[in-house]
Structures are given as C-alpha cells and as structure tokens.
Amino acid sequence: MYFADKKELTHAAVMTMLNAGIAQAEADGQPQCIVIVDASGETLGQIRMSGAKFLSLKSARAKARTAASIRAPSDAIPEHVGVLIAAATEGDVTRLGGGLPIFCGDQVVGGIGVGSGSSDQDTAVAQAAIDAISG
C-alpha cells in the first residue's frame, strides 16, 4: 500500500525513440527538435537537429510535459484556456500540437514533444518515435 509498482522509460527506449524521430523528420525533410520526458516531466533525452529552429526546443519540451501531465495529446487542451494555462504555468503547459503521451499498458511513462515543423509534421515524428518502442 505504501509503494507503487512503477514502469519507466529506459535509456535504450529514449535512444530508440530519438533515432526513430530523427529518421521520420529526415524523411519529411523537416529538421525537428525532439524532447522526451518521464512521467514527472523530467527530460530524459533531447535533440535539436541541424537546421531546426532553436526556440522550438522550448516548445517541444512544453509539449512533452503537457502530454505526460494530461495523459493526452498536447493539443487536447481546450482552446479557450490555452493562453491562460500557458501564462499560469510560465509556458510549461501548451496546447500546441506535437506532444504525445507515452504509455506502457494503461500507465503513462512519459511524453514526447516535437517542434519546428507544422503541427501535423511534429505529431508524425512523435508518433513514429512511439511506434518504435511499441510492441
């Protein structure tokens, strides 16, 4: 009762996801910033691909943390509260597309956020990364 069985992402999972995300971004021809966080929002791995917008690293982190926190894609935040929640969390929560939660069964083990392309491109890279570790 006092301890929880907790699944967590390994460094091998993080590297696999980063490599898969990079491959998808290269296939799309859009350099990306990719950030992977654990379930508490701590960064486990990140990369800013050559040519990606440097400020997109910050938005990618916010997308990853948002998805892990709400257990849903980052763009699931309702539009009418998007600006307010971003201001209230000093940018740690965003409703920008490109953030996805990472599940192991029904347990959230982290989040991935991608930024520098369109919302659809960002989400495709995030999904490719998750697919790389899904069995």
C-alpha atoms as a PDB file:
ATOM      1  CA  MET A   1       0.000   0.000   0.000  1.00  0.00           C
ATOM      2  CA  TYR A   2       2.905   2.383   0.646  1.00  0.00           C
ATOM      3  CA  PHE A   3       4.831   1.552  -2.523  1.00  0.00           C
ATOM      4  CA  ALA A   4       3.775   1.538  -6.151  1.00  0.00           C
ATOM      5  CA  ASP A   5       4.980  -0.674  -8.941  1.00  0.00           C
ATOM      6  CA  LYS A   6       6.127   1.845 -11.491  1.00  0.00           C
ATOM      7  CA  LYS A   7       7.203   1.321 -15.067  1.00  0.00           C
ATOM      8  CA  GLU A   8       9.658   3.791 -16.525  1.00  0.00           C
ATOM      9  CA  LEU A   9      11.398   4.516 -19.785  1.00  0.00           C
ATOM     10  CA  THR A  10      14.935   3.188 -20.095  1.00  0.00           C
ATOM     11  CA  HIS A  11      17.811   4.965 -21.760  1.00  0.00           C
ATOM     12  CA  ALA A  12      17.567   2.356 -24.537  1.00  0.00           C
ATOM     13  CA  ALA A  13      13.927   3.333 -25.153  1.00  0.00           C
ATOM     14  CA  VAL A  14      14.846   7.026 -25.237  1.00  0.00           C
ATOM     15  CA  MET A  15      17.643   6.461 -27.754  1.00  0.00           C
ATOM     16  CA  THR A  16      15.410   4.252 -29.922  1.00  0.00           C
ATOM     17  CA  MET A  17      12.724   6.924 -29.899  1.00  0.00           C
ATOM     18  CA  LEU A  18      15.142   9.733 -30.727  1.00  0.00           C
ATOM     19  CA  ASN A  19      16.585   7.747 -33.638  1.00  0.00           C
ATOM     20  CA  ALA A  20      13.121   6.903 -34.990  1.00  0.00           C
ATOM     21  CA  GLY A  21      12.012  10.515 -34.654  1.00  0.00           C
ATOM     22  CA  ILE A  22      15.100  11.740 -36.466  1.00  0.00           C
ATOM     23  CA  ALA A  23      14.506   9.223 -39.273  1.00  0.00           C
ATOM     24  CA  GLN A  24      10.903  10.414 -39.692  1.00  0.00           C
ATOM     25  CA  ALA A  25      11.935  14.072 -39.654  1.00  0.00           C
ATOM     26  CA  GLU A  26      14.601  13.381 -42.285  1.00  0.00           C
ATOM     27  CA  ALA A  27      12.063  11.512 -44.425  1.00  0.00           C
ATOM     28  CA  ASP A  28       9.740  14.529 -44.131  1.00  0.00           C
ATOM     29  CA  GLY A  29      12.583  16.905 -44.990  1.00  0.00           C
ATOM     30  CA  GLN A  30      11.878  18.940 -41.847  1.00  0.00           C
ATOM     31  CA  PRO A  31      14.577  19.195 -39.159  1.00  0.00           C
ATOM     32  CA  GLN A  32      12.997  18.964 -35.710  1.00  0.00           C
ATOM     33  CA  CYS A  33      13.565  19.484 -32.024  1.00  0.00           C
ATOM     34  CA  ILE A  34      12.584  16.343 -30.127  1.00  0.00           C
ATOM     35  CA  VAL A  35      12.237  16.127 -26.335  1.00  0.00           C
ATOM     36  CA  ILE A  36      11.366  13.031 -24.291  1.00  0.00           C
ATOM     37  CA  VAL A  37      10.362  13.359 -20.639  1.00  0.00           C
ATOM     38  CA  ASP A  38       9.495  10.871 -17.922  1.00  0.00           C
ATOM     39  CA  ALA A  39       6.083  10.740 -16.248  1.00  0.00           C
ATOM     40  CA  SER A  40       7.053  13.577 -13.893  1.00  0.00           C
ATOM     41  CA  GLY A  41       8.151  15.844 -16.743  1.00  0.00           C
ATOM     42  CA  GLU A  42      11.916  15.495 -16.275  1.00  0.00           C
ATOM     43  CA  THR A  43      13.878  15.480 -19.524  1.00  0.00           C
ATOM     44  CA  LEU A  44      15.361  12.087 -20.382  1.00  0.00           C
ATOM     45  CA  GLY A  45      16.665  12.954 -23.840  1.00  0.00           C
ATOM     46  CA  GLN A  46      16.516  15.681 -26.450  1.00  0.00           C
ATOM     47  CA  ILE A  47      17.987  16.765 -29.729  1.00  0.00           C
ATOM     48  CA  ARG A  48      17.865  19.800 -31.920  1.00  0.00           C
ATOM     49  CA  MET A  49      18.511  18.533 -35.404  1.00  0.00           C
ATOM     50  CA  SER A  50      20.750  20.615 -37.641  1.00  0.00           C
ATOM     51  CA  GLY A  51      18.579  23.295 -39.192  1.00  0.00           C
ATOM     52  CA  ALA A  52      15.771  23.090 -36.611  1.00  0.00           C
ATOM     53  CA  LYS A  53      14.554  26.330 -35.051  1.00  0.00           C
ATOM     54  CA  PHE A  54      16.386  26.759 -31.732  1.00  0.00           C
ATOM     55  CA  LEU A  55      13.382  28.203 -29.898  1.00  0.00           C
ATOM     56  CA  SER A  56      11.382  25.105 -30.860  1.00  0.00           C
ATOM     57  CA  LEU A  57      13.345  23.172 -28.236  1.00  0.00           C
ATOM     58  CA  LYS A  58      11.430  25.085 -25.555  1.00  0.00           C
ATOM     59  CA  SER A  59       8.035  24.442 -27.153  1.00  0.00           C
ATOM     60  CA  ALA A  60       8.909  20.765 -27.727  1.00  0.00           C
ATOM     61  CA  ARG A  61       9.679  20.403 -24.003  1.00  0.00           C
ATOM     62  CA  ALA A  62       6.375  22.075 -23.096  1.00  0.00           C
ATOM     63  CA  LYS A  63       4.501  19.755 -25.476  1.00  0.00           C
ATOM     64  CA  ALA A  64       6.148  16.672 -23.942  1.00  0.00           C
ATOM     65  CA  ARG A  65       5.454  17.795 -20.378  1.00  0.00           C
ATOM     66  CA  THR A  66       1.868  18.703 -21.214  1.00  0.00           C
ATOM     67  CA  ALA A  67       1.160  15.323 -22.846  1.00  0.00           C
ATOM     68  CA  ALA A  68       2.675  13.422 -19.916  1.00  0.00           C
ATOM     69  CA  SER A  69       0.737  15.514 -17.408  1.00  0.00           C
ATOM     70  CA  ILE A  70      -2.699  15.341 -19.042  1.00  0.00           C
ATOM     71  CA  ARG A  71      -2.277  11.784 -20.429  1.00  0.00           C
ATOM     72  CA  ALA A  72      -3.408  13.041 -23.834  1.00  0.00           C
ATOM     73  CA  PRO A  73      -2.030  14.861 -26.878  1.00  0.00           C
ATOM     74  CA  SER A  74      -0.913  18.387 -26.078  1.00  0.00           C
ATOM     75  CA  ASP A  75      -3.484  19.873 -28.438  1.00  0.00           C
ATOM     76  CA  ALA A  76      -6.275  18.333 -26.306  1.00  0.00           C
ATOM     77  CA  ILE A  77      -6.076  21.404 -24.057  1.00  0.00           C
ATOM     78  CA  PRO A  78      -9.256  23.378 -24.834  1.00  0.00           C
ATOM     79  CA  GLU A  79      -8.645  26.424 -26.988  1.00  0.00           C
ATOM     80  CA  HIS A  80     -10.436  28.794 -24.619  1.00  0.00           C
ATOM     81  CA  VAL A  81      -7.975  28.060 -21.786  1.00  0.00           C
ATOM     82  CA  GLY A  82      -4.812  27.653 -23.883  1.00  0.00           C
ATOM     83  CA  VAL A  83      -3.380  31.130 -23.387  1.00  0.00           C
ATOM     84  CA  LEU A  84      -4.412  31.318 -19.742  1.00  0.00           C
ATOM     85  CA  ILE A  85      -2.915  27.943 -18.799  1.00  0.00           C
ATOM     86  CA  ALA A  86       0.298  28.755 -20.646  1.00  0.00           C
ATOM     87  CA  ALA A  87       0.589  32.012 -18.715  1.00  0.00           C
ATOM     88  CA  ALA A  88      -0.300  30.383 -15.388  1.00  0.00           C
ATOM     89  CA  THR A  89       2.401  27.712 -15.857  1.00  0.00           C
ATOM     90  CA  GLU A  90       5.015  30.089 -17.278  1.00  0.00           C
ATOM     91  CA  GLY A  91       4.915  28.216 -20.587  1.00  0.00           C
ATOM     92  CA  ASP A  92       5.209  24.722 -19.119  1.00  0.00           C
ATOM     93  CA  VAL A  93       1.775  23.776 -20.493  1.00  0.00           C
ATOM     94  CA  THR A  94       0.825  24.368 -24.112  1.00  0.00           C
ATOM     95  CA  ARG A  95      -1.988  23.469 -26.436  1.00  0.00           C
ATOM     96  CA  LEU A  96       0.290  23.384 -29.487  1.00  0.00           C
ATOM     97  CA  GLY A  97       0.121  20.123 -31.444  1.00  0.00           C
ATOM     98  CA  GLY A  98       3.104  17.794 -31.473  1.00  0.00           C
ATOM     99  CA  GLY A  99       3.088  16.395 -27.936  1.00  0.00           C
ATOM    100  CA  LEU A 100       2.005  12.824 -27.212  1.00  0.00           C
ATOM    101  CA  PRO A 101       1.883  10.789 -24.016  1.00  0.00           C
ATOM    102  CA  ILE A 102       3.916   7.593 -23.874  1.00  0.00           C
ATOM    103  CA  PHE A 103       2.018   4.656 -22.403  1.00  0.00           C
ATOM    104  CA  CYS A 104       3.080   1.237 -21.153  1.00  0.00           C
ATOM    105  CA  GLY A 105      -0.263  -0.515 -20.938  1.00  0.00           C
ATOM    106  CA  ASP A 106      -2.547   1.927 -19.172  1.00  0.00           C
ATOM    107  CA  GLN A 107       0.291   3.656 -17.304  1.00  0.00           C
ATOM    108  CA  VAL A 108       1.823   6.900 -18.583  1.00  0.00           C
ATOM    109  CA  VAL A 109       5.602   6.545 -18.524  1.00  0.00           C
ATOM    110  CA  GLY A 110       6.421   9.839 -20.199  1.00  0.00           C
ATOM    111  CA  GLY A 111       5.751  12.235 -23.008  1.00  0.00           C
ATOM    112  CA  ILE A 112       7.349  13.265 -26.263  1.00  0.00           C
ATOM    113  CA  GLY A 113       7.229  16.707 -27.784  1.00  0.00           C
ATOM    114  CA  VAL A 114       8.355  17.730 -31.238  1.00  0.00           C
ATOM    115  CA  GLY A 115       8.675  21.228 -32.646  1.00  0.00           C
ATOM    116  CA  SER A 116       9.972  23.083 -35.671  1.00  0.00           C
ATOM    117  CA  GLY A 117       7.567  21.898 -38.358  1.00  0.00           C
ATOM    118  CA  SER A 118       3.829  22.101 -38.828  1.00  0.00           C
ATOM    119  CA  SER A 119       1.595  20.561 -36.173  1.00  0.00           C
ATOM    120  CA  ASP A 120       0.989  17.564 -38.452  1.00  0.00           C
ATOM    121  CA  GLN A 121       4.730  17.087 -39.085  1.00  0.00           C
ATOM    122  CA  ASP A 122       5.508  17.401 -35.374  1.00  0.00           C
ATOM    123  CA  THR A 123       2.845  14.839 -34.461  1.00  0.00           C
ATOM    124  CA  ALA A 124       4.004  12.411 -37.167  1.00  0.00           C
ATOM    125  CA  VAL A 125       7.546  12.489 -35.786  1.00  0.00           C
ATOM    126  CA  ALA A 126       6.286  11.966 -32.229  1.00  0.00           C
ATOM    127  CA  GLN A 127       4.114   9.040 -33.331  1.00  0.00           C
ATOM    128  CA  ALA A 128       6.990   7.432 -35.271  1.00  0.00           C
ATOM    129  CA  ALA A 129       9.122   7.626 -32.140  1.00  0.00           C
ATOM    130  CA  ILE A 130       6.431   5.992 -30.002  1.00  0.00           C
ATOM    131  CA  ASP A 131       5.812   3.310 -32.638  1.00  0.00           C
ATOM    132  CA  ALA A 132       9.498   2.392 -32.465  1.00  0.00           C
ATOM    133  CA  ILE A 133       9.121   1.122 -28.893  1.00  0.00           C
ATOM    134  CA  SER A 134       5.565  -0.209 -29.104  1.00  0.00           C
ATOM    135  CA  GLY A 135       5.327  -3.929 -29.379  1.00  0.00           C
END
